[in-house]
Each structure stands twice: as structure tokens, then as C-alpha cells.
Amino acid sequence: MAKANSQVQGIAVQIFGEEYLIAERDAVKVQKIASYVDEKMREIDEQHPGRIPASKLAVLAAMTIADELLNALGEQNRLAETA
């Protein structure tokens, strides 16, 4: 009986000093996303140097990114209504 391959396949990215393997075919897209998340985490960390654990920085970065997304969607809807 053959052994199942237990290794995770994916694209390796670095976010806030940690490596993650992301299952996605588009390496450029994954790198852009990882870079953006890393940037947001570092921006928050710069405002509060060394005082916030990485796990909480990740949540705060996710909240910031979600806020940006919702603002962009609201603007898109506003523009669509006036077109």
C-alpha cells in the first residue's frame, strides 16, 4: 500500500517574518496579497512598536483591509448609481 504524501503543496510567502504555504496556482497574485498583508501588519506595528503580539496584529490588519474593501465597494456602488 502506497503512503499518502503528507507534505503541503503551495506557494511559500513571508508575512511578518513567518512563512506560510498558500494553496493557489497564481504565484504573482499570492505574493501581492501576502505583501499587502505584511505591509498592513508592519504599519500597525510601527504605531505600537513591540507592544502588540503578531496574532493581534494580524486581526487588526484584517480589520483594516476589510474596512478598505467595504469603503471601495461603497464607492463603487455610489458611482454605479450615478452612472
N, C-alpha and C. Protein backbone atom coordinates (compact mmCIF):
# COMPACT_ATOMS: atom_id res chain seq x y z
N MET A 1 0.84 -1.17 0.00
CA MET A 1 0.00 0.00 0.00
C MET A 1 0.89 1.24 0.00
N ALA A 2 0.62 2.16 -0.91
CA ALA A 2 1.42 3.37 -1.03
C ALA A 2 1.08 4.35 0.08
N LYS A 3 2.10 5.02 0.53
CA LYS A 3 1.92 6.05 1.56
C LYS A 3 1.40 7.33 0.93
N ALA A 4 0.44 7.97 1.58
CA ALA A 4 -0.07 9.25 1.09
C ALA A 4 0.98 10.33 1.33
N ASN A 5 1.11 11.24 0.38
CA ASN A 5 2.04 12.35 0.52
C ASN A 5 1.46 13.34 1.52
N SER A 6 2.10 13.49 2.67
CA SER A 6 1.57 14.36 3.72
C SER A 6 2.12 15.78 3.63
N GLN A 7 3.00 16.04 2.67
CA GLN A 7 3.53 17.38 2.52
C GLN A 7 2.49 18.30 1.91
N VAL A 8 2.42 19.51 2.45
CA VAL A 8 1.52 20.53 1.91
C VAL A 8 2.17 21.13 0.68
N GLN A 9 1.42 21.21 -0.39
CA GLN A 9 1.90 21.82 -1.62
C GLN A 9 1.34 23.23 -1.69
N GLY A 10 2.14 24.16 -2.12
CA GLY A 10 1.66 25.52 -2.24
C GLY A 10 2.78 26.48 -2.54
N ILE A 11 2.42 27.75 -2.49
CA ILE A 11 3.35 28.83 -2.75
C ILE A 11 3.81 29.38 -1.41
N ALA A 12 5.10 29.45 -1.21
CA ALA A 12 5.65 29.95 0.06
C ALA A 12 5.67 31.48 0.02
N VAL A 13 5.13 32.07 1.08
CA VAL A 13 5.15 33.52 1.24
C VAL A 13 5.62 33.86 2.65
N GLN A 14 6.15 35.05 2.81
CA GLN A 14 6.57 35.54 4.11
C GLN A 14 5.62 36.67 4.52
N ILE A 15 5.04 36.53 5.70
CA ILE A 15 4.20 37.59 6.25
C ILE A 15 4.66 37.83 7.68
N PHE A 16 5.12 39.04 7.93
CA PHE A 16 5.58 39.46 9.25
C PHE A 16 6.57 38.47 9.85
N GLY A 17 7.52 38.03 8.99
CA GLY A 17 8.59 37.16 9.45
C GLY A 17 8.24 35.68 9.56
N GLU A 18 7.03 35.32 9.21
CA GLU A 18 6.62 33.91 9.25
C GLU A 18 6.38 33.42 7.82
N GLU A 19 6.73 32.16 7.59
CA GLU A 19 6.49 31.59 6.26
C GLU A 19 5.18 30.81 6.26
N TYR A 20 4.42 30.99 5.20
CA TYR A 20 3.15 30.30 5.01
C TYR A 20 3.14 29.66 3.63
N LEU A 21 2.56 28.47 3.53
CA LEU A 21 2.35 27.83 2.24
C LEU A 21 0.89 28.02 1.86
N ILE A 22 0.67 28.68 0.75
CA ILE A 22 -0.68 29.01 0.30
C ILE A 22 -1.01 28.17 -0.94
N ALA A 23 -2.13 27.46 -0.87
CA ALA A 23 -2.56 26.62 -1.98
C ALA A 23 -3.26 27.49 -3.02
N GLU A 24 -2.52 27.84 -4.05
CA GLU A 24 -3.04 28.72 -5.12
C GLU A 24 -2.14 28.55 -6.32
N ARG A 25 -2.71 28.59 -7.49
CA ARG A 25 -1.90 28.42 -8.71
C ARG A 25 -1.22 29.71 -9.16
N ASP A 26 -1.83 30.85 -8.85
CA ASP A 26 -1.32 32.13 -9.31
C ASP A 26 -0.32 32.70 -8.29
N ALA A 27 0.97 32.42 -8.53
CA ALA A 27 2.02 32.84 -7.59
C ALA A 27 2.12 34.35 -7.48
N VAL A 28 1.94 35.06 -8.57
CA VAL A 28 2.03 36.52 -8.55
C VAL A 28 0.94 37.11 -7.66
N LYS A 29 -0.27 36.59 -7.82
CA LYS A 29 -1.40 37.06 -7.02
C LYS A 29 -1.16 36.80 -5.53
N VAL A 30 -0.70 35.60 -5.20
CA VAL A 30 -0.45 35.24 -3.80
C VAL A 30 0.63 36.13 -3.21
N GLN A 31 1.70 36.39 -3.97
CA GLN A 31 2.78 37.25 -3.47
C GLN A 31 2.28 38.67 -3.23
N LYS A 32 1.44 39.18 -4.13
CA LYS A 32 0.88 40.53 -3.96
C LYS A 32 0.03 40.61 -2.70
N ILE A 33 -0.81 39.62 -2.50
CA ILE A 33 -1.68 39.60 -1.32
C ILE A 33 -0.85 39.51 -0.05
N ALA A 34 0.12 38.61 -0.03
CA ALA A 34 0.97 38.44 1.14
C ALA A 34 1.74 39.72 1.44
N SER A 35 2.23 40.37 0.41
CA SER A 35 2.97 41.61 0.58
C SER A 35 2.07 42.69 1.17
N TYR A 36 0.84 42.76 0.72
CA TYR A 36 -0.11 43.76 1.22
C TYR A 36 -0.45 43.51 2.69
N VAL A 37 -0.69 42.26 3.05
CA VAL A 37 -0.99 41.91 4.43
C VAL A 37 0.23 42.22 5.31
N ASP A 38 1.41 41.86 4.84
CA ASP A 38 2.65 42.15 5.58
C ASP A 38 2.80 43.66 5.79
N GLU A 39 2.55 44.43 4.75
CA GLU A 39 2.65 45.89 4.83
C GLU A 39 1.69 46.45 5.89
N LYS A 40 0.46 45.98 5.90
CA LYS A 40 -0.52 46.46 6.88
C LYS A 40 -0.11 46.09 8.30
N MET A 41 0.38 44.87 8.49
CA MET A 41 0.82 44.46 9.82
C MET A 41 1.99 45.32 10.28
N ARG A 42 2.92 45.61 9.39
CA ARG A 42 4.08 46.43 9.75
C ARG A 42 3.68 47.88 10.05
N GLU A 43 2.71 48.41 9.31
CA GLU A 43 2.22 49.76 9.58
C GLU A 43 1.65 49.85 11.00
N ILE A 44 0.86 48.87 11.38
CA ILE A 44 0.27 48.86 12.72
C ILE A 44 1.36 48.68 13.77
N ASP A 45 2.31 47.79 13.49
CA ASP A 45 3.40 47.55 14.43
C ASP A 45 4.24 48.81 14.64
N GLU A 46 4.43 49.60 13.58
CA GLU A 46 5.20 50.84 13.69
C GLU A 46 4.50 51.84 14.62
N GLN A 47 3.18 51.81 14.64
CA GLN A 47 2.42 52.72 15.50
C GLN A 47 2.49 52.30 16.97
N HIS A 48 2.72 51.01 17.20
CA HIS A 48 2.78 50.45 18.56
C HIS A 48 3.95 49.48 18.65
N PRO A 49 5.19 49.98 18.53
CA PRO A 49 6.36 49.09 18.41
C PRO A 49 6.48 48.05 19.52
N GLY A 50 6.43 46.79 19.11
CA GLY A 50 6.67 45.68 20.02
C GLY A 50 5.64 45.47 21.11
N ARG A 51 4.54 46.21 21.07
CA ARG A 51 3.56 46.11 22.15
C ARG A 51 2.37 45.20 21.81
N ILE A 52 2.23 44.85 20.54
CA ILE A 52 1.08 44.03 20.13
C ILE A 52 1.60 42.71 19.59
N PRO A 53 1.11 41.58 20.12
CA PRO A 53 1.53 40.27 19.59
C PRO A 53 1.14 40.12 18.11
N ALA A 54 1.91 39.32 17.40
CA ALA A 54 1.68 39.13 15.96
C ALA A 54 0.27 38.65 15.66
N SER A 55 -0.29 37.79 16.51
CA SER A 55 -1.65 37.29 16.25
C SER A 55 -2.66 38.42 16.29
N LYS A 56 -2.47 39.36 17.20
CA LYS A 56 -3.39 40.50 17.27
C LYS A 56 -3.12 41.49 16.14
N LEU A 57 -1.86 41.63 15.75
CA LEU A 57 -1.55 42.47 14.59
C LEU A 57 -2.25 41.94 13.34
N ALA A 58 -2.29 40.61 13.21
CA ALA A 58 -2.95 40.00 12.06
C ALA A 58 -4.44 40.33 12.05
N VAL A 59 -5.07 40.28 13.23
CA VAL A 59 -6.50 40.61 13.31
C VAL A 59 -6.71 42.09 12.99
N LEU A 60 -5.87 42.96 13.53
CA LEU A 60 -6.01 44.38 13.24
C LEU A 60 -5.77 44.68 11.76
N ALA A 61 -4.82 43.99 11.16
CA ALA A 61 -4.57 44.16 9.72
C ALA A 61 -5.78 43.68 8.92
N ALA A 62 -6.37 42.56 9.33
CA ALA A 62 -7.56 42.06 8.65
C ALA A 62 -8.71 43.06 8.76
N MET A 63 -8.87 43.67 9.92
CA MET A 63 -9.92 44.68 10.11
C MET A 63 -9.65 45.90 9.21
N THR A 64 -8.41 46.31 9.13
CA THR A 64 -8.05 47.45 8.28
C THR A 64 -8.33 47.15 6.82
N ILE A 65 -7.94 45.97 6.38
CA ILE A 65 -8.15 45.57 4.98
C ILE A 65 -9.64 45.43 4.68
N ALA A 66 -10.40 44.86 5.61
CA ALA A 66 -11.85 44.73 5.42
C ALA A 66 -12.50 46.11 5.33
N ASP A 67 -12.04 47.04 6.15
CA ASP A 67 -12.56 48.41 6.09
C ASP A 67 -12.27 49.04 4.73
N GLU A 68 -11.05 48.85 4.23
CA GLU A 68 -10.70 49.36 2.90
C GLU A 68 -11.59 48.75 1.83
N LEU A 69 -11.84 47.45 1.91
CA LEU A 69 -12.68 46.77 0.94
C LEU A 69 -14.10 47.32 0.98
N LEU A 70 -14.67 47.43 2.18
CA LEU A 70 -16.04 47.93 2.30
C LEU A 70 -16.15 49.37 1.81
N ASN A 71 -15.16 50.19 2.08
CA ASN A 71 -15.17 51.56 1.56
C ASN A 71 -15.11 51.58 0.04
N ALA A 72 -14.27 50.72 -0.54
CA ALA A 72 -14.15 50.65 -2.00
C ALA A 72 -15.46 50.15 -2.63
N LEU A 73 -16.08 49.15 -2.00
CA LEU A 73 -17.36 48.65 -2.52
C LEU A 73 -18.45 49.71 -2.42
N GLY A 74 -18.45 50.46 -1.33
CA GLY A 74 -19.42 51.55 -1.18
C GLY A 74 -19.23 52.61 -2.25
N GLU A 75 -17.98 52.96 -2.52
CA GLU A 75 -17.68 53.94 -3.56
C GLU A 75 -18.08 53.42 -4.93
N GLN A 76 -17.82 52.14 -5.18
CA GLN A 76 -18.20 51.53 -6.46
C GLN A 76 -19.72 51.57 -6.63
N ASN A 77 -20.45 51.25 -5.58
CA ASN A 77 -21.92 51.28 -5.64
C ASN A 77 -22.41 52.71 -5.86
N ARG A 78 -21.79 53.67 -5.19
CA ARG A 78 -22.19 55.07 -5.35
C ARG A 78 -21.97 55.53 -6.79
N LEU A 79 -20.82 55.14 -7.36
CA LEU A 79 -20.53 55.51 -8.75
C LEU A 79 -21.49 54.83 -9.72
N ALA A 80 -21.83 53.59 -9.45
CA ALA A 80 -22.76 52.85 -10.32
C ALA A 80 -24.15 53.49 -10.30
N GLU A 81 -24.56 53.99 -9.15
CA GLU A 81 -25.87 54.63 -9.03
C GLU A 81 -25.94 55.96 -9.77
N THR A 82 -24.81 56.66 -9.87
CA THR A 82 -24.82 57.96 -10.53
C THR A 82 -24.53 57.85 -12.03
N ALA A 83 -24.19 56.66 -12.49
CA ALA A 83 -23.86 56.49 -13.92
C ALA A 83 -25.10 56.40 -14.77
